[in-house]
Amino acid sequence: MPVISIRIDEKLKKKMDELSYINWSEIIRRKIEEVIEEEEKKKKGKRKDYKRIAEASVKSYEFFLNYGGKSSEEIIREWRDKNWQL
């Protein structure tokens, strides 16, 4: 098994020595594994979901057709103008 070294200040080392019954190597190993798992989940979450992208595209096109081929900006402007006239 490979070995890594870390540096800690003397105050922290003293506290660790006071708790000598704790397997610090195991604690550090577990924490490293946790961080790696979290980072891998983040990377996985950044992958593009092409199915959702396609569904959103279809919905966007349906919206476009339902409102007479106007852009969302034009529709929002119309709604705002109507509210100001009330």
PDB file of N, CA and C in Angstrom:
ATOM      1  N   MET A   1       0.852  -1.178   0.000  1.00  0.00           N
ATOM      2  CA  MET A   1       0.000   0.000   0.000  1.00  0.00           C
ATOM      3  C   MET A   1       0.896   1.238   0.000  1.00  0.00           C
ATOM      4  N   PRO A   2       0.620   2.217  -0.884  1.00  0.00           N
ATOM      5  CA  PRO A   2       1.420   3.441  -0.912  1.00  0.00           C
ATOM      6  C   PRO A   2       1.287   4.233   0.387  1.00  0.00           C
ATOM      7  N   VAL A   3       2.294   5.028   0.665  1.00  0.00           N
ATOM      8  CA  VAL A   3       2.311   5.861   1.867  1.00  0.00           C
ATOM      9  C   VAL A   3       2.349   7.316   1.438  1.00  0.00           C
ATOM     10  N   ILE A   4       1.539   8.152   2.120  1.00  0.00           N
ATOM     11  CA  ILE A   4       1.609   9.596   1.892  1.00  0.00           C
ATOM     12  C   ILE A   4       1.966  10.261   3.211  1.00  0.00           C
ATOM     13  N   SER A   5       2.496  11.456   3.137  1.00  0.00           N
ATOM     14  CA  SER A   5       2.846  12.214   4.342  1.00  0.00           C
ATOM     15  C   SER A   5       2.094  13.532   4.330  1.00  0.00           C
ATOM     16  N   ILE A   6       1.730  13.979   5.497  1.00  0.00           N
ATOM     17  CA  ILE A   6       1.111  15.299   5.627  1.00  0.00           C
ATOM     18  C   ILE A   6       1.821  16.049   6.749  1.00  0.00           C
ATOM     19  N   ARG A   7       1.722  17.339   6.719  1.00  0.00           N
ATOM     20  CA  ARG A   7       2.297  18.160   7.780  1.00  0.00           C
ATOM     21  C   ARG A   7       1.153  18.792   8.565  1.00  0.00           C
ATOM     22  N   ILE A   8       1.288  18.743   9.874  1.00  0.00           N
ATOM     23  CA  ILE A   8       0.315  19.393  10.758  1.00  0.00           C
ATOM     24  C   ILE A   8       1.095  20.173  11.805  1.00  0.00           C
ATOM     25  N   ASP A   9       0.444  21.146  12.415  1.00  0.00           N
ATOM     26  CA  ASP A   9       1.161  21.913  13.433  1.00  0.00           C
ATOM     27  C   ASP A   9       1.265  21.106  14.736  1.00  0.00           C
ATOM     28  N   GLU A  10       2.152  21.549  15.588  1.00  0.00           N
ATOM     29  CA  GLU A  10       2.444  20.805  16.820  1.00  0.00           C
ATOM     30  C   GLU A  10       1.242  20.740  17.754  1.00  0.00           C
ATOM     31  N   LYS A  11       0.460  21.785  17.774  1.00  0.00           N
ATOM     32  CA  LYS A  11      -0.723  21.815  18.641  1.00  0.00           C
ATOM     33  C   LYS A  11      -1.701  20.702  18.248  1.00  0.00           C
ATOM     34  N   LEU A  12      -1.939  20.562  16.955  1.00  0.00           N
ATOM     35  CA  LEU A  12      -2.835  19.513  16.467  1.00  0.00           C
ATOM     36  C   LEU A  12      -2.249  18.133  16.745  1.00  0.00           C
ATOM     37  N   LYS A  13      -0.957  17.964  16.536  1.00  0.00           N
ATOM     38  CA  LYS A  13      -0.309  16.674  16.796  1.00  0.00           C
ATOM     39  C   LYS A  13      -0.438  16.297  18.273  1.00  0.00           C
ATOM     40  N   LYS A  14      -0.292  17.261  19.139  1.00  0.00           N
ATOM     41  CA  LYS A  14      -0.410  17.002  20.578  1.00  0.00           C
ATOM     42  C   LYS A  14      -1.823  16.512  20.914  1.00  0.00           C
ATOM     43  N   LYS A  15      -2.819  17.146  20.327  1.00  0.00           N
ATOM     44  CA  LYS A  15      -4.207  16.728  20.559  1.00  0.00           C
ATOM     45  C   LYS A  15      -4.444  15.324  20.022  1.00  0.00           C
ATOM     46  N   MET A  16      -3.865  15.026  18.871  1.00  0.00           N
ATOM     47  CA  MET A  16      -4.005  13.677  18.311  1.00  0.00           C
ATOM     48  C   MET A  16      -3.337  12.644  19.234  1.00  0.00           C
ATOM     49  N   ASP A  17      -2.197  12.995  19.767  1.00  0.00           N
ATOM     50  CA  ASP A  17      -1.494  12.077  20.673  1.00  0.00           C
ATOM     51  C   ASP A  17      -2.309  11.817  21.942  1.00  0.00           C
ATOM     52  N   GLU A  18      -3.027  12.829  22.397  1.00  0.00           N
ATOM     53  CA  GLU A  18      -3.873  12.650  23.577  1.00  0.00           C
ATOM     54  C   GLU A  18      -5.005  11.659  23.301  1.00  0.00           C
ATOM     55  N   LEU A  19      -5.358  11.534  22.049  1.00  0.00           N
ATOM     56  CA  LEU A  19      -6.410  10.598  21.638  1.00  0.00           C
ATOM     57  C   LEU A  19      -5.776   9.429  20.882  1.00  0.00           C
ATOM     58  N   SER A  20      -4.761   8.875  21.451  1.00  0.00           N
ATOM     59  CA  SER A  20      -3.961   7.854  20.755  1.00  0.00           C
ATOM     60  C   SER A  20      -4.732   6.572  20.440  1.00  0.00           C
ATOM     61  N   TYR A  21      -5.858   6.352  21.081  1.00  0.00           N
ATOM     62  CA  TYR A  21      -6.663   5.162  20.799  1.00  0.00           C
ATOM     63  C   TYR A  21      -7.375   5.254  19.451  1.00  0.00           C
ATOM     64  N   ILE A  22      -7.392   6.434  18.852  1.00  0.00           N
ATOM     65  CA  ILE A  22      -8.032   6.624  17.543  1.00  0.00           C
ATOM     66  C   ILE A  22      -7.037   6.272  16.447  1.00  0.00           C
ATOM     67  N   ASN A  23      -7.518   5.530  15.460  1.00  0.00           N
ATOM     68  CA  ASN A  23      -6.692   5.166  14.316  1.00  0.00           C
ATOM     69  C   ASN A  23      -6.755   6.324  13.309  1.00  0.00           C
ATOM     70  N   TRP A  24      -5.828   7.245  13.439  1.00  0.00           N
ATOM     71  CA  TRP A  24      -5.847   8.456  12.622  1.00  0.00           C
ATOM     72  C   TRP A  24      -5.663   8.145  11.138  1.00  0.00           C
ATOM     73  N   SER A  25      -4.894   7.142  10.825  1.00  0.00           N
ATOM     74  CA  SER A  25      -4.705   6.764   9.425  1.00  0.00           C
ATOM     75  C   SER A  25      -6.036   6.372   8.802  1.00  0.00           C
ATOM     76  N   GLU A  26      -6.826   5.608   9.539  1.00  0.00           N
ATOM     77  CA  GLU A  26      -8.135   5.186   9.028  1.00  0.00           C
ATOM     78  C   GLU A  26      -9.072   6.383   8.872  1.00  0.00           C
ATOM     79  N   ILE A  27      -9.045   7.292   9.828  1.00  0.00           N
ATOM     80  CA  ILE A  27      -9.880   8.500   9.752  1.00  0.00           C
ATOM     81  C   ILE A  27      -9.532   9.297   8.494  1.00  0.00           C
ATOM     82  N   ILE A  28      -8.261   9.495   8.267  1.00  0.00           N
ATOM     83  CA  ILE A  28      -7.818  10.278   7.102  1.00  0.00           C
ATOM     84  C   ILE A  28      -8.167   9.547   5.813  1.00  0.00           C
ATOM     85  N   ARG A  29      -7.980   8.236   5.788  1.00  0.00           N
ATOM     86  CA  ARG A  29      -8.306   7.428   4.607  1.00  0.00           C
ATOM     87  C   ARG A  29      -9.788   7.568   4.264  1.00  0.00           C
ATOM     88  N   ARG A  30     -10.643   7.444   5.286  1.00  0.00           N
ATOM     89  CA  ARG A  30     -12.096   7.573   5.059  1.00  0.00           C
ATOM     90  C   ARG A  30     -12.459   8.952   4.521  1.00  0.00           C
ATOM     91  N   LYS A  31     -11.857   9.972   5.103  1.00  0.00           N
ATOM     92  CA  LYS A  31     -12.175  11.335   4.663  1.00  0.00           C
ATOM     93  C   LYS A  31     -11.744  11.553   3.216  1.00  0.00           C
ATOM     94  N   ILE A  32     -10.592  11.036   2.859  1.00  0.00           N
ATOM     95  CA  ILE A  32     -10.127  11.161   1.472  1.00  0.00           C
ATOM     96  C   ILE A  32     -11.112  10.471   0.532  1.00  0.00           C
ATOM     97  N   GLU A  33     -11.570   9.286   0.924  1.00  0.00           N
ATOM     98  CA  GLU A  33     -12.552   8.564   0.104  1.00  0.00           C
ATOM     99  C   GLU A  33     -13.849   9.362  -0.034  1.00  0.00           C
ATOM    100  N   GLU A  34     -14.311   9.974   1.060  1.00  0.00           N
ATOM    101  CA  GLU A  34     -15.537  10.784   1.014  1.00  0.00           C
ATOM    102  C   GLU A  34     -15.397  11.938   0.032  1.00  0.00           C
ATOM    103  N   VAL A  35     -14.277  12.630   0.111  1.00  0.00           N
ATOM    104  CA  VAL A  35     -14.055  13.779  -0.780  1.00  0.00           C
ATOM    105  C   VAL A  35     -14.016  13.321  -2.232  1.00  0.00           C
ATOM    106  N   ILE A  36     -13.358  12.196  -2.501  1.00  0.00           N
ATOM    107  CA  ILE A  36     -13.294  11.680  -3.872  1.00  0.00           C
ATOM    108  C   ILE A  36     -14.696  11.336  -4.366  1.00  0.00           C
ATOM    109  N   GLU A  37     -15.510  10.674  -3.529  1.00  0.00           N
ATOM    110  CA  GLU A  37     -16.883  10.326  -3.918  1.00  0.00           C
ATOM    111  C   GLU A  37     -17.708  11.569  -4.221  1.00  0.00           C
ATOM    112  N   GLU A  38     -17.582  12.595  -3.373  1.00  0.00           N
ATOM    113  CA  GLU A  38     -18.321  13.849  -3.603  1.00  0.00           C
ATOM    114  C   GLU A  38     -17.925  14.481  -4.926  1.00  0.00           C
ATOM    115  N   GLU A  39     -16.630  14.513  -5.202  1.00  0.00           N
ATOM    116  CA  GLU A  39     -16.151  15.119  -6.446  1.00  0.00           C
ATOM    117  C   GLU A  39     -16.615  14.322  -7.662  1.00  0.00           C
ATOM    118  N   GLU A  40     -16.627  12.995  -7.550  1.00  0.00           N
ATOM    119  CA  GLU A  40     -17.102  12.175  -8.662  1.00  0.00           C
ATOM    120  C   GLU A  40     -18.585  12.389  -8.903  1.00  0.00           C
ATOM    121  N   LYS A  41     -19.372  12.576  -7.833  1.00  0.00           N
ATOM    122  CA  LYS A  41     -20.802  12.871  -7.981  1.00  0.00           C
ATOM    123  C   LYS A  41     -21.001  14.205  -8.678  1.00  0.00           C
ATOM    124  N   LYS A  42     -20.174  15.185  -8.319  1.00  0.00           N
ATOM    125  CA  LYS A  42     -20.274  16.498  -8.972  1.00  0.00           C
ATOM    126  C   LYS A  42     -19.995  16.381 -10.464  1.00  0.00           C
ATOM    127  N   LYS A  43     -18.955  15.639 -10.806  1.00  0.00           N
ATOM    128  CA  LYS A  43     -18.610  15.459 -12.223  1.00  0.00           C
ATOM    129  C   LYS A  43     -19.738  14.763 -12.962  1.00  0.00           C
ATOM    130  N   LYS A  44     -20.308  13.747 -12.319  1.00  0.00           N
ATOM    131  CA  LYS A  44     -21.404  13.003 -12.941  1.00  0.00           C
ATOM    132  C   LYS A  44     -22.597  13.918 -13.164  1.00  0.00           C
ATOM    133  N   GLY A  45     -22.866  14.811 -12.217  1.00  0.00           N
ATOM    134  CA  GLY A  45     -23.979  15.737 -12.335  1.00  0.00           C
ATOM    135  C   GLY A  45     -23.797  16.761 -13.434  1.00  0.00           C
ATOM    136  N   LYS A  46     -22.575  16.975 -13.861  1.00  0.00           N
ATOM    137  CA  LYS A  46     -22.305  17.972 -14.898  1.00  0.00           C
ATOM    138  C   LYS A  46     -22.486  17.415 -16.303  1.00  0.00           C
ATOM    139  N   ARG A  47     -22.683  16.107 -16.399  1.00  0.00           N
ATOM    140  CA  ARG A  47     -22.902  15.514 -17.719  1.00  0.00           C
ATOM    141  C   ARG A  47     -24.235  15.989 -18.268  1.00  0.00           C
ATOM    142  N   LYS A  48     -24.289  16.190 -19.553  1.00  0.00           N
ATOM    143  CA  LYS A  48     -25.507  16.679 -20.182  1.00  0.00           C
ATOM    144  C   LYS A  48     -26.538  15.565 -20.280  1.00  0.00           C
ATOM    145  N   ASP A  49     -27.759  15.894 -19.925  1.00  0.00           N
ATOM    146  CA  ASP A  49     -28.869  14.950 -20.022  1.00  0.00           C
ATOM    147  C   ASP A  49     -29.597  15.275 -21.326  1.00  0.00           C
ATOM    148  N   TYR A  50     -29.221  14.581 -22.386  1.00  0.00           N
ATOM    149  CA  TYR A  50     -29.746  14.897 -23.709  1.00  0.00           C
ATOM    150  C   TYR A  50     -31.247  14.648 -23.816  1.00  0.00           C
ATOM    151  N   LYS A  51     -31.772  13.711 -23.055  1.00  0.00           N
ATOM    152  CA  LYS A  51     -33.211  13.457 -23.066  1.00  0.00           C
ATOM    153  C   LYS A  51     -33.955  14.686 -22.536  1.00  0.00           C
ATOM    154  N   ARG A  52     -33.489  15.237 -21.418  1.00  0.00           N
ATOM    155  CA  ARG A  52     -34.134  16.432 -20.860  1.00  0.00           C
ATOM    156  C   ARG A  52     -33.976  17.630 -21.789  1.00  0.00           C
ATOM    157  N   ILE A  53     -32.826  17.734 -22.438  1.00  0.00           N
ATOM    158  CA  ILE A  53     -32.603  18.837 -23.376  1.00  0.00           C
ATOM    159  C   ILE A  53     -33.590  18.735 -24.535  1.00  0.00           C
ATOM    160  N   ALA A  54     -33.787  17.517 -25.054  1.00  0.00           N
ATOM    161  CA  ALA A  54     -34.720  17.320 -26.166  1.00  0.00           C
ATOM    162  C   ALA A  54     -36.148  17.643 -25.738  1.00  0.00           C
ATOM    163  N   GLU A  55     -36.546  17.204 -24.533  1.00  0.00           N
ATOM    164  CA  GLU A  55     -37.896  17.497 -24.039  1.00  0.00           C
ATOM    165  C   GLU A  55     -38.104  18.998 -23.885  1.00  0.00           C
ATOM    166  N   ALA A  56     -37.122  19.690 -23.380  1.00  0.00           N
ATOM    167  CA  ALA A  56     -37.225  21.144 -23.218  1.00  0.00           C
ATOM    168  C   ALA A  56     -37.329  21.834 -24.570  1.00  0.00           C
ATOM    169  N   SER A  57     -36.615  21.317 -25.544  1.00  0.00           N
ATOM    170  CA  SER A  57     -36.665  21.886 -26.884  1.00  0.00           C
ATOM    171  C   SER A  57     -38.060  21.740 -27.482  1.00  0.00           C
ATOM    172  N   VAL A  58     -38.664  20.563 -27.298  1.00  0.00           N
ATOM    173  CA  VAL A  58     -40.021  20.325 -27.808  1.00  0.00           C
ATOM    174  C   VAL A  58     -41.006  21.259 -27.117  1.00  0.00           C
ATOM    175  N   LYS A  59     -40.914  21.383 -25.802  1.00  0.00           N
ATOM    176  CA  LYS A  59     -41.823  22.268 -25.062  1.00  0.00           C
ATOM    177  C   LYS A  59     -41.661  23.721 -25.508  1.00  0.00           C
ATOM    178  N   SER A  60     -40.417  24.119 -25.731  1.00  0.00           N
ATOM    179  CA  SER A  60     -40.155  25.480 -26.173  1.00  0.00           C
ATOM    180  C   SER A  60     -40.791  25.732 -27.540  1.00  0.00           C
ATOM    181  N   TYR A  61     -40.673  24.760 -28.427  1.00  0.00           N
ATOM    182  CA  TYR A  61     -41.257  24.906 -29.761  1.00  0.00           C
ATOM    183  C   TYR A  61     -42.785  24.938 -29.680  1.00  0.00           C
ATOM    184  N   GLU A  62     -43.388  24.110 -28.811  1.00  0.00           N
ATOM    185  CA  GLU A  62     -44.836  24.123 -28.625  1.00  0.00           C
ATOM    186  C   GLU A  62     -45.294  25.481 -28.096  1.00  0.00           C
ATOM    187  N   PHE A  63     -44.548  26.028 -27.162  1.00  0.00           N
ATOM    188  CA  PHE A  63     -44.852  27.355 -26.631  1.00  0.00           C
ATOM    189  C   PHE A  63     -44.808  28.385 -27.754  1.00  0.00           C
ATOM    190  N   PHE A  64     -43.789  28.291 -28.568  1.00  0.00           N
ATOM    191  CA  PHE A  64     -43.614  29.201 -29.705  1.00  0.00           C
ATOM    192  C   PHE A  64     -44.829  29.135 -30.633  1.00  0.00           C
ATOM    193  N   LEU A  65     -45.290  27.920 -30.938  1.00  0.00           N
ATOM    194  CA  LEU A  65     -46.434  27.757 -31.832  1.00  0.00           C
ATOM    195  C   LEU A  65     -47.737  28.240 -31.183  1.00  0.00           C
ATOM    196  N   ASN A  66     -47.914  27.978 -29.899  1.00  0.00           N
ATOM    197  CA  ASN A  66     -49.140  28.374 -29.197  1.00  0.00           C
ATOM    198  C   ASN A  66     -49.303  29.887 -29.105  1.00  0.00           C
ATOM    199  N   TYR A  67     -48.218  30.608 -29.182  1.00  0.00           N
ATOM    200  CA  TYR A  67     -48.306  32.060 -29.073  1.00  0.00           C
ATOM    201  C   TYR A  67     -48.007  32.754 -30.394  1.00  0.00           C
ATOM    202  N   GLY A  68     -48.418  32.145 -31.469  1.00  0.00           N
ATOM    203  CA  GLY A  68     -48.355  32.780 -32.778  1.00  0.00           C
ATOM    204  C   GLY A  68     -46.954  33.014 -33.300  1.00  0.00           C
ATOM    205  N   GLY A  69     -46.016  32.234 -32.903  1.00  0.00           N
ATOM    206  CA  GLY A  69     -44.661  32.361 -33.431  1.00  0.00           C
ATOM    207  C   GLY A  69     -43.899  33.543 -32.867  1.00  0.00           C
ATOM    208  N   LYS A  70     -44.362  34.076 -31.746  1.00  0.00           N
ATOM    209  CA  LYS A  70     -43.658  35.208 -31.129  1.00  0.00           C
ATOM    210  C   LYS A  70     -42.593  34.700 -30.181  1.00  0.00           C
ATOM    211  N   SER A  71     -41.549  35.490 -30.033  1.00  0.00           N
ATOM    212  CA  SER A  71     -40.488  35.120 -29.097  1.00  0.00           C
ATOM    213  C   SER A  71     -40.976  35.358 -27.663  1.00  0.00           C
ATOM    214  N   SER A  72     -40.320  34.734 -26.717  1.00  0.00           N
ATOM    215  CA  SER A  72     -40.698  34.919 -25.314  1.00  0.00           C
ATOM    216  C   SER A  72     -40.557  36.375 -24.909  1.00  0.00           C
ATOM    217  N   GLU A  73     -39.585  37.076 -25.457  1.00  0.00           N
ATOM    218  CA  GLU A  73     -39.411  38.493 -25.151  1.00  0.00           C
ATOM    219  C   GLU A  73     -40.621  39.308 -25.611  1.00  0.00           C
ATOM    220  N   GLU A  74     -41.108  39.000 -26.798  1.00  0.00           N
ATOM    221  CA  GLU A  74     -42.279  39.728 -27.326  1.00  0.00           C
ATOM    222  C   GLU A  74     -43.512  39.454 -26.470  1.00  0.00           C
ATOM    223  N   ILE A  75     -43.693  38.217 -26.046  1.00  0.00           N
ATOM    224  CA  ILE A  75     -44.858  37.862 -25.241  1.00  0.00           C
ATOM    225  C   ILE A  75     -44.798  38.551 -23.884  1.00  0.00           C
ATOM    226  N   ILE A  76     -43.630  38.518 -23.256  1.00  0.00           N
ATOM    227  CA  ILE A  76     -43.480  39.179 -21.952  1.00  0.00           C
ATOM    228  C   ILE A  76     -43.746  40.665 -22.090  1.00  0.00           C
ATOM    229  N   ARG A  77     -43.244  41.278 -23.136  1.00  0.00           N
ATOM    230  CA  ARG A  77     -43.473  42.710 -23.352  1.00  0.00           C
ATOM    231  C   ARG A  77     -44.963  42.993 -23.502  1.00  0.00           C
ATOM    232  N   GLU A  78     -45.679  42.154 -24.260  1.00  0.00           N
ATOM    233  CA  GLU A  78     -47.128  42.329 -24.427  1.00  0.00           C
ATOM    234  C   GLU A  78     -47.853  42.219 -23.086  1.00  0.00           C
ATOM    235  N   TRP A  79     -47.503  41.198 -22.297  1.00  0.00           N
ATOM    236  CA  TRP A  79     -48.137  41.029 -20.983  1.00  0.00           C
ATOM    237  C   TRP A  79     -47.876  42.239 -20.089  1.00  0.00           C
ATOM    238  N   ARG A  80     -46.668  42.738 -20.099  1.00  0.00           N
ATOM    239  CA  ARG A  80     -46.333  43.910 -19.279  1.00  0.00           C
ATOM    240  C   ARG A  80     -47.110  45.143 -19.754  1.00  0.00           C
ATOM    241  N   ASP A  81     -47.165  45.311 -21.062  1.00  0.00           N
ATOM    242  CA  ASP A  81     -47.900  46.463 -21.608  1.00  0.00           C
ATOM    243  C   ASP A  81     -49.367  46.389 -21.238  1.00  0.00           C
ATOM    244  N   LYS A  82     -49.971  45.206 -21.284  1.00  0.00           N
ATOM    245  CA  LYS A  82     -51.379  45.048 -20.928  1.00  0.00           C
ATOM    246  C   LYS A  82     -51.595  45.378 -19.450  1.00  0.00           C
ATOM    247  N   ASN A  83     -50.698  44.964 -18.597  1.00  0.00           N
ATOM    248  CA  ASN A  83     -50.858  45.248 -17.167  1.00  0.00           C
ATOM    249  C   ASN A  83     -50.720  46.726 -16.859  1.00  0.00           C
ATOM    250  N   TRP A  84     -49.874  47.428 -17.597  1.00  0.00           N
ATOM    251  CA  TRP A  84     -49.707  48.862 -17.362  1.00  0.00           C
ATOM    252  C   TRP A  84     -50.940  49.652 -17.823  1.00  0.00           C
ATOM    253  N   GLN A  85     -51.682  49.094 -18.780  1.00  0.00           N
ATOM    254  CA  GLN A  85     -52.846  49.800 -19.304  1.00  0.00           C
ATOM    255  C   GLN A  85     -54.059  49.628 -18.412  1.00  0.00           C
ATOM    256  N   LEU A  86     -54.053  48.673 -17.483  1.00  0.00           N
ATOM    257  CA  LEU A  86     -55.209  48.431 -16.621  1.00  0.00           C
ATOM    258  C   LEU A  86     -55.430  49.495 -15.622  1.00  0.00           C
TER     259      LEU A  86
END
